[in-house]
PDB file of N, CA and C in Angstrom:
ATOM      1  N   MET A   1      -3.669   0.094  16.717  1.00  0.00           N
ATOM      2  CA  MET A   1      -2.425  -0.429  17.247  1.00  0.00           C
ATOM      3  C   MET A   1      -1.709   0.671  18.024  1.00  0.00           C
ATOM      4  N   ASP A   2      -1.066   0.268  19.093  1.00  0.00           N
ATOM      5  CA  ASP A   2      -0.312   1.196  19.935  1.00  0.00           C
ATOM      6  C   ASP A   2       0.897   1.723  19.155  1.00  0.00           C
ATOM      7  N   LYS A   3       1.014   3.027  19.033  1.00  0.00           N
ATOM      8  CA  LYS A   3       2.105   3.637  18.274  1.00  0.00           C
ATOM      9  C   LYS A   3       3.476   3.330  18.875  1.00  0.00           C
ATOM     10  N   ASN A   4       3.540   3.087  20.167  1.00  0.00           N
ATOM     11  CA  ASN A   4       4.820   2.801  20.818  1.00  0.00           C
ATOM     12  C   ASN A   4       5.333   1.394  20.530  1.00  0.00           C
ATOM     13  N   THR A   5       4.442   0.462  20.268  1.00  0.00           N
ATOM     14  CA  THR A   5       4.859  -0.924  20.037  1.00  0.00           C
ATOM     15  C   THR A   5       4.723  -1.358  18.585  1.00  0.00           C
ATOM     16  N   ASN A   6       4.208  -0.488  17.715  1.00  0.00           N
ATOM     17  CA  ASN A   6       4.047  -0.814  16.304  1.00  0.00           C
ATOM     18  C   ASN A   6       5.424  -1.050  15.679  1.00  0.00           C
ATOM     19  N   PRO A   7       5.666  -2.244  15.072  1.00  0.00           N
ATOM     20  CA  PRO A   7       6.980  -2.521  14.481  1.00  0.00           C
ATOM     21  C   PRO A   7       7.261  -1.704  13.231  1.00  0.00           C
ATOM     22  N   PHE A   8       6.218  -1.160  12.587  1.00  0.00           N
ATOM     23  CA  PHE A   8       6.420  -0.343  11.401  1.00  0.00           C
ATOM     24  C   PHE A   8       6.903   1.025  11.836  1.00  0.00           C
ATOM     25  N   ASN A   9       8.141   1.322  11.487  1.00  0.00           N
ATOM     26  CA  ASN A   9       8.758   2.580  11.878  1.00  0.00           C
ATOM     27  C   ASN A   9       9.547   3.096  10.689  1.00  0.00           C
ATOM     28  N   PRO A  10       8.875   3.772   9.758  1.00  0.00           N
ATOM     29  CA  PRO A  10       9.572   4.184   8.536  1.00  0.00           C
ATOM     30  C   PRO A  10      10.708   5.152   8.809  1.00  0.00           C
ATOM     31  N   GLY A  11      11.760   4.962   8.068  1.00  0.00           N
ATOM     32  CA  GLY A  11      12.923   5.834   8.139  1.00  0.00           C
ATOM     33  C   GLY A  11      13.861   5.429   7.025  1.00  0.00           C
ATOM     34  N   ALA A  12      14.525   6.369   6.421  1.00  0.00           N
ATOM     35  CA  ALA A  12      15.363   6.103   5.255  1.00  0.00           C
ATOM     36  C   ALA A  12      16.464   5.096   5.571  1.00  0.00           C
ATOM     37  N   GLY A  13      16.315   3.887   5.066  1.00  0.00           N
ATOM     38  CA  GLY A  13      17.343   2.860   5.203  1.00  0.00           C
ATOM     39  C   GLY A  13      17.422   2.204   6.559  1.00  0.00           C
ATOM     40  N   VAL A  14      16.485   2.489   7.448  1.00  0.00           N
ATOM     41  CA  VAL A  14      16.496   1.899   8.782  1.00  0.00           C
ATOM     42  C   VAL A  14      15.942   0.480   8.695  1.00  0.00           C
ATOM     43  N   SER A  15      16.743  -0.489   9.088  1.00  0.00           N
ATOM     44  CA  SER A  15      16.319  -1.890   8.984  1.00  0.00           C
ATOM     45  C   SER A  15      15.230  -2.212  10.003  1.00  0.00           C
ATOM     46  N   PRO A  16      14.169  -2.868   9.535  1.00  0.00           N
ATOM     47  CA  PRO A  16      13.122  -3.306  10.456  1.00  0.00           C
ATOM     48  C   PRO A  16      13.587  -4.558  11.198  1.00  0.00           C
ATOM     49  N   PRO A  17      12.867  -4.960  12.238  1.00  0.00           N
ATOM     50  CA  PRO A  17      13.250  -6.171  12.952  1.00  0.00           C
ATOM     51  C   PRO A  17      13.247  -7.411  12.046  1.00  0.00           C
ATOM     52  N   GLU A  18      12.391  -7.381  11.022  1.00  0.00           N
ATOM     53  CA  GLU A  18      12.304  -8.513  10.091  1.00  0.00           C
ATOM     54  C   GLU A  18      11.894  -7.997   8.720  1.00  0.00           C
ATOM     55  N   LEU A  19      12.461  -8.591   7.668  1.00  0.00           N
ATOM     56  CA  LEU A  19      12.069  -8.230   6.302  1.00  0.00           C
ATOM     57  C   LEU A  19      10.884  -9.104   5.891  1.00  0.00           C
ATOM     58  N   ALA A  20       9.771  -8.919   6.523  1.00  0.00           N
ATOM     59  CA  ALA A  20       8.579  -9.731   6.270  1.00  0.00           C
ATOM     60  C   ALA A  20       8.054  -9.484   4.860  1.00  0.00           C
ATOM     61  N   GLY A  21       7.698 -10.567   4.192  1.00  0.00           N
ATOM     62  CA  GLY A  21       7.110 -10.460   2.864  1.00  0.00           C
ATOM     63  C   GLY A  21       8.092 -10.152   1.761  1.00  0.00           C
ATOM     64  N   ARG A  22       9.372 -10.248   2.033  1.00  0.00           N
ATOM     65  CA  ARG A  22      10.387  -9.914   1.031  1.00  0.00           C
ATOM     66  C   ARG A  22      11.160 -11.140   0.545  1.00  0.00           C
ATOM     67  N   SER A  23      10.778 -12.320   0.994  1.00  0.00           N
ATOM     68  CA  SER A  23      11.547 -13.525   0.677  1.00  0.00           C
ATOM     69  C   SER A  23      11.606 -13.811  -0.821  1.00  0.00           C
ATOM     70  N   GLU A  24      10.535 -13.520  -1.547  1.00  0.00           N
ATOM     71  CA  GLU A  24      10.543 -13.778  -2.992  1.00  0.00           C
ATOM     72  C   GLU A  24      11.551 -12.882  -3.711  1.00  0.00           C
ATOM     73  N   VAL A  25      11.600 -11.619  -3.331  1.00  0.00           N
ATOM     74  CA  VAL A  25      12.549 -10.681  -3.943  1.00  0.00           C
ATOM     75  C   VAL A  25      13.979 -11.086  -3.593  1.00  0.00           C
ATOM     76  N   LEU A  26      14.224 -11.430  -2.336  1.00  0.00           N
ATOM     77  CA  LEU A  26      15.565 -11.840  -1.921  1.00  0.00           C
ATOM     78  C   LEU A  26      15.981 -13.144  -2.608  1.00  0.00           C
ATOM     79  N   GLU A  27      15.054 -14.058  -2.795  1.00  0.00           N
ATOM     80  CA  GLU A  27      15.365 -15.311  -3.488  1.00  0.00           C
ATOM     81  C   GLU A  27      15.691 -15.049  -4.955  1.00  0.00           C
ATOM     82  N   THR A  28      14.956 -14.137  -5.587  1.00  0.00           N
ATOM     83  CA  THR A  28      15.253 -13.758  -6.976  1.00  0.00           C
ATOM     84  C   THR A  28      16.653 -13.161  -7.073  1.00  0.00           C
ATOM     85  N   ALA A  29      17.006 -12.312  -6.118  1.00  0.00           N
ATOM     86  CA  ALA A  29      18.340 -11.713  -6.110  1.00  0.00           C
ATOM     87  C   ALA A  29      19.406 -12.781  -5.890  1.00  0.00           C
ATOM     88  N   ASN A  30      19.178 -13.703  -4.969  1.00  0.00           N
ATOM     89  CA  ASN A  30      20.137 -14.790  -4.723  1.00  0.00           C
ATOM     90  C   ASN A  30      20.333 -15.644  -5.973  1.00  0.00           C
ATOM     91  N   THR A  31      19.238 -15.937  -6.660  1.00  0.00           N
ATOM     92  CA  THR A  31      19.313 -16.730  -7.892  1.00  0.00           C
ATOM     93  C   THR A  31      20.127 -15.985  -8.947  1.00  0.00           C
ATOM     94  N   ALA A  32      19.877 -14.692  -9.092  1.00  0.00           N
ATOM     95  CA  ALA A  32      20.625 -13.887 -10.071  1.00  0.00           C
ATOM     96  C   ALA A  32      22.109 -13.867  -9.736  1.00  0.00           C
ATOM     97  N   LEU A  33      22.447 -13.670  -8.470  1.00  0.00           N
ATOM     98  CA  LEU A  33      23.855 -13.654  -8.064  1.00  0.00           C
ATOM     99  C   LEU A  33      24.536 -14.986  -8.348  1.00  0.00           C
ATOM    100  N   ALA A  34      23.844 -16.078  -8.053  1.00  0.00           N
ATOM    101  CA  ALA A  34      24.416 -17.413  -8.284  1.00  0.00           C
ATOM    102  C   ALA A  34      24.603 -17.679  -9.776  1.00  0.00           C
ATOM    103  N   ARG A  35      23.620 -17.301 -10.589  1.00  0.00           N
ATOM    104  CA  ARG A  35      23.719 -17.519 -12.032  1.00  0.00           C
ATOM    105  C   ARG A  35      24.848 -16.686 -12.641  1.00  0.00           C
ATOM    106  N   ILE A  36      24.951 -15.444 -12.235  1.00  0.00           N
ATOM    107  CA  ILE A  36      26.001 -14.566 -12.768  1.00  0.00           C
ATOM    108  C   ILE A  36      27.375 -15.108 -12.397  1.00  0.00           C
ATOM    109  N   LYS A  37      27.506 -15.594 -11.179  1.00  0.00           N
ATOM    110  CA  LYS A  37      28.791 -16.145 -10.740  1.00  0.00           C
ATOM    111  C   LYS A  37      29.206 -17.337 -11.611  1.00  0.00           C
ATOM    112  N   ARG A  38      28.225 -18.085 -12.115  1.00  0.00           N
ATOM    113  CA  ARG A  38      28.512 -19.234 -12.988  1.00  0.00           C
ATOM    114  C   ARG A  38      28.593 -18.835 -14.457  1.00  0.00           C
ATOM    115  N   GLY A  39      28.512 -17.524 -14.747  1.00  0.00           N
ATOM    116  CA  GLY A  39      28.611 -17.057 -16.123  1.00  0.00           C
ATOM    117  C   GLY A  39      27.318 -17.189 -16.904  1.00  0.00           C
ATOM    118  N   LYS A  40      26.208 -17.334 -16.223  1.00  0.00           N
ATOM    119  CA  LYS A  40      24.896 -17.474 -16.871  1.00  0.00           C
ATOM    120  C   LYS A  40      24.160 -16.139 -16.838  1.00  0.00           C
ATOM    121  N   HIS A  41      23.173 -16.013 -17.692  1.00  0.00           N
ATOM    122  CA  HIS A  41      22.331 -14.820 -17.696  1.00  0.00           C
ATOM    123  C   HIS A  41      21.357 -14.891 -16.529  1.00  0.00           C
ATOM    124  N   ALA A  42      20.970 -13.739 -16.035  1.00  0.00           N
ATOM    125  CA  ALA A  42      19.994 -13.661 -14.946  1.00  0.00           C
ATOM    126  C   ALA A  42      18.993 -12.561 -15.251  1.00  0.00           C
ATOM    127  N   LYS A  43      17.791 -12.730 -14.730  1.00  0.00           N
ATOM    128  CA  LYS A  43      16.772 -11.699 -14.906  1.00  0.00           C
ATOM    129  C   LYS A  43      17.143 -10.466 -14.103  1.00  0.00           C
ATOM    130  N   SER A  44      16.816  -9.318 -14.662  1.00  0.00           N
ATOM    131  CA  SER A  44      17.023  -8.061 -13.946  1.00  0.00           C
ATOM    132  C   SER A  44      16.026  -7.970 -12.804  1.00  0.00           C
ATOM    133  N   LEU A  45      16.366  -7.152 -11.843  1.00  0.00           N
ATOM    134  CA  LEU A  45      15.495  -6.971 -10.687  1.00  0.00           C
ATOM    135  C   LEU A  45      15.325  -5.478 -10.456  1.00  0.00           C
ATOM    136  N   MET A  46      14.091  -5.037 -10.389  1.00  0.00           N
ATOM    137  CA  MET A  46      13.807  -3.629 -10.127  1.00  0.00           C
ATOM    138  C   MET A  46      12.915  -3.558  -8.897  1.00  0.00           C
ATOM    139  N   VAL A  47      13.344  -2.795  -7.912  1.00  0.00           N
ATOM    140  CA  VAL A  47      12.591  -2.661  -6.670  1.00  0.00           C
ATOM    141  C   VAL A  47      11.798  -1.361  -6.736  1.00  0.00           C
ATOM    142  N   LEU A  48      10.489  -1.487  -6.708  1.00  0.00           N
ATOM    143  CA  LEU A  48       9.601  -0.332  -6.806  1.00  0.00           C
ATOM    144  C   LEU A  48       8.676  -0.285  -5.598  1.00  0.00           C
ATOM    145  N   GLY A  49       8.279   0.888  -5.211  1.00  0.00           N
ATOM    146  CA  GLY A  49       7.321   1.020  -4.120  1.00  0.00           C
ATOM    147  C   GLY A  49       7.240   2.450  -3.648  1.00  0.00           C
ATOM    148  N   LEU A  50       6.227   2.686  -2.861  1.00  0.00           N
ATOM    149  CA  LEU A  50       6.018   4.012  -2.310  1.00  0.00           C
ATOM    150  C   LEU A  50       7.112   4.363  -1.308  1.00  0.00           C
ATOM    151  N   ARG A  51       7.199   5.609  -0.992  1.00  0.00           N
ATOM    152  CA  ARG A  51       8.163   6.107  -0.009  1.00  0.00           C
ATOM    153  C   ARG A  51       7.911   5.434   1.340  1.00  0.00           C
ATOM    154  N   GLY A  52       8.997   4.938   1.943  1.00  0.00           N
ATOM    155  CA  GLY A  52       8.902   4.390   3.286  1.00  0.00           C
ATOM    156  C   GLY A  52       8.518   2.929   3.392  1.00  0.00           C
ATOM    157  N   VAL A  53       8.473   2.198   2.256  1.00  0.00           N
ATOM    158  CA  VAL A  53       8.066   0.791   2.332  1.00  0.00           C
ATOM    159  C   VAL A  53       9.246  -0.171   2.462  1.00  0.00           C
ATOM    160  N   GLY A  54      10.488   0.349   2.421  1.00  0.00           N
ATOM    161  CA  GLY A  54      11.643  -0.509   2.653  1.00  0.00           C
ATOM    162  C   GLY A  54      12.480  -0.834   1.435  1.00  0.00           C
ATOM    163  N   LYS A  55      12.397  -0.042   0.391  1.00  0.00           N
ATOM    164  CA  LYS A  55      13.194  -0.307  -0.812  1.00  0.00           C
ATOM    165  C   LYS A  55      14.685  -0.226  -0.516  1.00  0.00           C
ATOM    166  N   THR A  56      15.105   0.817   0.187  1.00  0.00           N
ATOM    167  CA  THR A  56      16.523   0.988   0.495  1.00  0.00           C
ATOM    168  C   THR A  56      17.031  -0.136   1.391  1.00  0.00           C
ATOM    169  N   VAL A  57      16.241  -0.522   2.367  1.00  0.00           N
ATOM    170  CA  VAL A  57      16.619  -1.627   3.253  1.00  0.00           C
ATOM    171  C   VAL A  57      16.791  -2.905   2.439  1.00  0.00           C
ATOM    172  N   LEU A  58      15.874  -3.153   1.530  1.00  0.00           N
ATOM    173  CA  LEU A  58      15.949  -4.339   0.684  1.00  0.00           C
ATOM    174  C   LEU A  58      17.181  -4.300  -0.213  1.00  0.00           C
ATOM    175  N   LEU A  59      17.464  -3.165  -0.815  1.00  0.00           N
ATOM    176  CA  LEU A  59      18.651  -3.035  -1.661  1.00  0.00           C
ATOM    177  C   LEU A  59      19.932  -3.204  -0.850  1.00  0.00           C
ATOM    178  N   ASN A  60      19.962  -2.672   0.362  1.00  0.00           N
ATOM    179  CA  ASN A  60      21.132  -2.873   1.233  1.00  0.00           C
ATOM    180  C   ASN A  60      21.318  -4.342   1.569  1.00  0.00           C
ATOM    181  N   GLN A  61      20.236  -5.049   1.797  1.00  0.00           N
ATOM    182  CA  GLN A  61      20.304  -6.484   2.092  1.00  0.00           C
ATOM    183  C   GLN A  61      20.866  -7.255   0.890  1.00  0.00           C
ATOM    184  N   ILE A  62      20.405  -6.910  -0.305  1.00  0.00           N
ATOM    185  CA  ILE A  62      20.902  -7.556  -1.520  1.00  0.00           C
ATOM    186  C   ILE A  62      22.381  -7.230  -1.715  1.00  0.00           C
ATOM    187  N   LYS A  63      22.754  -5.981  -1.498  1.00  0.00           N
ATOM    188  CA  LYS A  63      24.169  -5.585  -1.611  1.00  0.00           C
ATOM    189  C   LYS A  63      25.031  -6.365  -0.618  1.00  0.00           C
ATOM    190  N   ASP A  64      24.576  -6.474   0.615  1.00  0.00           N
ATOM    191  CA  ASP A  64      25.333  -7.219   1.628  1.00  0.00           C
ATOM    192  C   ASP A  64      25.493  -8.686   1.239  1.00  0.00           C
ATOM    193  N   ARG A  65      24.450  -9.273   0.675  1.00  0.00           N
ATOM    194  CA  ARG A  65      24.541 -10.669   0.230  1.00  0.00           C
ATOM    195  C   ARG A  65      25.531 -10.806  -0.926  1.00  0.00           C
ATOM    196  N   ALA A  66      25.511  -9.836  -1.834  1.00  0.00           N
ATOM    197  CA  ALA A  66      26.440  -9.867  -2.964  1.00  0.00           C
ATOM    198  C   ALA A  66      27.884  -9.757  -2.476  1.00  0.00           C
ATOM    199  N   VAL A  67      28.140  -8.829  -1.578  1.00  0.00           N
ATOM    200  CA  VAL A  67      29.488  -8.644  -1.042  1.00  0.00           C
ATOM    201  C   VAL A  67      29.954  -9.901  -0.311  1.00  0.00           C
ATOM    202  N   SER A  68      29.062 -10.533   0.437  1.00  0.00           N
ATOM    203  CA  SER A  68      29.441 -11.749   1.165  1.00  0.00           C
ATOM    204  C   SER A  68      29.785 -12.900   0.215  1.00  0.00           C
ATOM    205  N   GLN A  69      29.320 -12.805  -1.030  1.00  0.00           N
ATOM    206  CA  GLN A  69      29.631 -13.828  -2.036  1.00  0.00           C
ATOM    207  C   GLN A  69      30.822 -13.436  -2.912  1.00  0.00           C
ATOM    208  N   GLY A  70      31.472 -12.330  -2.566  1.00  0.00           N
ATOM    209  CA  GLY A  70      32.671 -11.932  -3.295  1.00  0.00           C
ATOM    210  C   GLY A  70      32.469 -10.904  -4.381  1.00  0.00           C
ATOM    211  N   TYR A  71      31.275 -10.387  -4.528  1.00  0.00           N
ATOM    212  CA  TYR A  71      31.023  -9.345  -5.518  1.00  0.00           C
ATOM    213  C   TYR A  71      31.497  -7.998  -4.988  1.00  0.00           C
ATOM    214  N   LEU A  72      31.841  -7.097  -5.900  1.00  0.00           N
ATOM    215  CA  LEU A  72      32.062  -5.702  -5.552  1.00  0.00           C
ATOM    216  C   LEU A  72      30.723  -5.007  -5.747  1.00  0.00           C
ATOM    217  N   ALA A  73      30.256  -4.307  -4.753  1.00  0.00           N
ATOM    218  CA  ALA A  73      28.937  -3.674  -4.848  1.00  0.00           C
ATOM    219  C   ALA A  73      28.977  -2.291  -4.219  1.00  0.00           C
ATOM    220  N   GLU A  74      28.289  -1.374  -4.837  1.00  0.00           N
ATOM    221  CA  GLU A  74      28.183   0.004  -4.351  1.00  0.00           C
ATOM    222  C   GLU A  74      26.731   0.428  -4.458  1.00  0.00           C
ATOM    223  N   MET A  75      26.340   1.334  -3.598  1.00  0.00           N
ATOM    224  CA  MET A  75      25.004   1.932  -3.678  1.00  0.00           C
ATOM    225  C   MET A  75      25.156   3.336  -4.235  1.00  0.00           C
ATOM    226  N   GLN A  76      24.312   3.684  -5.190  1.00  0.00           N
ATOM    227  CA  GLN A  76      24.308   5.033  -5.742  1.00  0.00           C
ATOM    228  C   GLN A  76      22.863   5.430  -5.982  1.00  0.00           C
ATOM    229  N   GLU A  77      22.446   6.499  -5.360  1.00  0.00           N
ATOM    230  CA  GLU A  77      21.083   6.974  -5.525  1.00  0.00           C
ATOM    231  C   GLU A  77      21.013   7.893  -6.732  1.00  0.00           C
ATOM    232  N   ALA A  78      20.031   7.668  -7.590  1.00  0.00           N
ATOM    233  CA  ALA A  78      19.825   8.517  -8.761  1.00  0.00           C
ATOM    234  C   ALA A  78      18.918   9.679  -8.372  1.00  0.00           C
ATOM    235  N   HIS A  79      19.222  10.832  -8.907  1.00  0.00           N
ATOM    236  CA  HIS A  79      18.432  12.036  -8.634  1.00  0.00           C
ATOM    237  C   HIS A  79      17.803  12.507  -9.932  1.00  0.00           C
ATOM    238  N   ASP A  80      16.644  13.121  -9.831  1.00  0.00           N
ATOM    239  CA  ASP A  80      15.983  13.663 -11.014  1.00  0.00           C
ATOM    240  C   ASP A  80      16.910  14.621 -11.740  1.00  0.00           C
ATOM    241  N   GLY A  81      17.032  14.435 -13.037  1.00  0.00           N
ATOM    242  CA  GLY A  81      17.830  15.329 -13.854  1.00  0.00           C
ATOM    243  C   GLY A  81      19.312  15.013 -13.878  1.00  0.00           C
ATOM    244  N   ALA A  82      19.756  14.085 -13.053  1.00  0.00           N
ATOM    245  CA  ALA A  82      21.185  13.751 -13.017  1.00  0.00           C
ATOM    246  C   ALA A  82      21.507  12.781 -14.150  1.00  0.00           C
ATOM    247  N   GLU A  83      22.638  12.997 -14.786  1.00  0.00           N
ATOM    248  CA  GLU A  83      23.081  12.087 -15.841  1.00  0.00           C
ATOM    249  C   GLU A  83      23.752  10.873 -15.210  1.00  0.00           C
ATOM    250  N   LEU A  84      23.498   9.720 -15.783  1.00  0.00           N
ATOM    251  CA  LEU A  84      24.044   8.476 -15.248  1.00  0.00           C
ATOM    252  C   LEU A  84      25.564   8.533 -15.160  1.00  0.00           C
ATOM    253  N   LYS A  85      26.214   9.059 -16.191  1.00  0.00           N
ATOM    254  CA  LYS A  85      27.681   9.094 -16.168  1.00  0.00           C
ATOM    255  C   LYS A  85      28.197   9.959 -15.022  1.00  0.00           C
ATOM    256  N   GLN A  86      27.506  11.037 -14.702  1.00  0.00           N
ATOM    257  CA  GLN A  86      27.937  11.893 -13.602  1.00  0.00           C
ATOM    258  C   GLN A  86      27.739  11.222 -12.245  1.00  0.00           C
ATOM    259  N   LEU A  87      26.757  10.336 -12.161  1.00  0.00           N
ATOM    260  CA  LEU A  87      26.536   9.595 -10.919  1.00  0.00           C
ATOM    261  C   LEU A  87      27.562   8.473 -10.754  1.00  0.00           C
ATOM    262  N   LEU A  88      27.946   7.857 -11.871  1.00  0.00           N
ATOM    263  CA  LEU A  88      28.819   6.685 -11.808  1.00  0.00           C
ATOM    264  C   LEU A  88      30.306   7.019 -11.718  1.00  0.00           C
ATOM    265  N   ILE A  89      30.722   8.135 -12.262  1.00  0.00           N
ATOM    266  CA  ILE A  89      32.151   8.472 -12.290  1.00  0.00           C
ATOM    267  C   ILE A  89      32.781   8.437 -10.894  1.00  0.00           C
ATOM    268  N   PRO A  90      32.238   9.123  -9.885  1.00  0.00           N
ATOM    269  CA  PRO A  90      32.880   9.083  -8.562  1.00  0.00           C
ATOM    270  C   PRO A  90      32.888   7.682  -7.945  1.00  0.00           C
ATOM    271  N   VAL A  91      31.822   6.929  -8.154  1.00  0.00           N
ATOM    272  CA  VAL A  91      31.742   5.573  -7.597  1.00  0.00           C
ATOM    273  C   VAL A  91      32.785   4.672  -8.248  1.00  0.00           C
ATOM    274  N   LEU A  92      32.880   4.725  -9.568  1.00  0.00           N
ATOM    275  CA  LEU A  92      33.844   3.887 -10.277  1.00  0.00           C
ATOM    276  C   LEU A  92      35.278   4.302  -9.973  1.00  0.00           C
ATOM    277  N   ARG A  93      35.527   5.606  -9.885  1.00  0.00           N
ATOM    278  CA  ARG A  93      36.863   6.093  -9.546  1.00  0.00           C
ATOM    279  C   ARG A  93      37.276   5.583  -8.163  1.00  0.00           C
ATOM    280  N   SER A  94      36.384   5.668  -7.215  1.00  0.00           N
ATOM    281  CA  SER A  94      36.663   5.195  -5.858  1.00  0.00           C
ATOM    282  C   SER A  94      36.939   3.697  -5.847  1.00  0.00           C
ATOM    283  N   ARG A  95      36.138   2.940  -6.581  1.00  0.00           N
ATOM    284  CA  ARG A  95      36.309   1.483  -6.625  1.00  0.00           C
ATOM    285  C   ARG A  95      37.634   1.124  -7.297  1.00  0.00           C
ATOM    286  N   LEU A  96      37.978   1.800  -8.391  1.00  0.00           N
ATOM    287  CA  LEU A  96      39.234   1.517  -9.087  1.00  0.00           C
ATOM    288  C   LEU A  96      40.439   1.878  -8.224  1.00  0.00           C
ATOM    289  N   LEU A  97      40.384   3.013  -7.548  1.00  0.00           N
ATOM    290  CA  LEU A  97      41.489   3.399  -6.664  1.00  0.00           C
ATOM    291  C   LEU A  97      41.656   2.396  -5.531  1.00  0.00           C
ATOM    292  N   PHE A  98      40.554   1.951  -4.959  1.00  0.00           N
ATOM    293  CA  PHE A  98      40.609   0.950  -3.890  1.00  0.00           C
ATOM    294  C   PHE A  98      41.233  -0.342  -4.413  1.00  0.00           C
ATOM    295  N   HIS A  99      40.812  -0.753  -5.609  1.00  0.00           N
ATOM    296  CA  HIS A  99      41.346  -1.982  -6.213  1.00  0.00           C
ATOM    297  C   HIS A  99      42.860  -1.859  -6.452  1.00  0.00           C
ATOM    298  N   CYS A 100      43.279  -0.696  -6.967  1.00  0.00           N
ATOM    299  CA  CYS A 100      44.714  -0.476  -7.223  1.00  0.00           C
ATOM    300  C   CYS A 100      45.514  -0.493  -5.936  1.00  0.00           C
ATOM    301  N   LEU A 101      44.997   0.116  -4.882  1.00  0.00           N
ATOM    302  CA  LEU A 101      45.686   0.133  -3.607  1.00  0.00           C
ATOM    303  C   LEU A 101      45.795  -1.280  -3.002  1.00  0.00           C
ATOM    304  N   MET A 102      44.751  -2.056  -3.161  1.00  0.00           N
ATOM    305  CA  MET A 102      44.753  -3.417  -2.608  1.00  0.00           C
ATOM    306  C   MET A 102      45.642  -4.359  -3.404  1.00  0.00           C
ATOM    307  N   SER A 103      45.833  -4.050  -4.690  1.00  0.00           N
ATOM    308  CA  SER A 103      46.663  -4.912  -5.553  1.00  0.00           C
ATOM    309  C   SER A 103      48.145  -4.675  -5.342  1.00  0.00           C
ATOM    310  N   SER A 104      48.520  -3.501  -4.861  1.00  0.00           N
ATOM    311  CA  SER A 104      49.953  -3.191  -4.731  1.00  0.00           C
ATOM    312  C   SER A 104      50.501  -3.530  -3.363  1.00  0.00           C
TER     313      SER A 104
END
């Protein structure tokens, strides 16, 4: 295949022209969002794959869908050796401050 016209162009979080082959994952996420909104339990979703296959793009798409449905959503990348509480504190603080500012 010609490298100039090949649609596969890996890059961190760069959206491809189409999320081909991802409809099942996106449908699972949509189902989970709808069930949670109705107060029902939903299956967890874990996105796994090799570097450059579109995990970040897929997670951004799910986040955008959640936000469009009224959810509060943030992206936080976990790093080796990092404690979960240390990763979440700045995100939660930012979200709470934003909420307080919008409420007043």
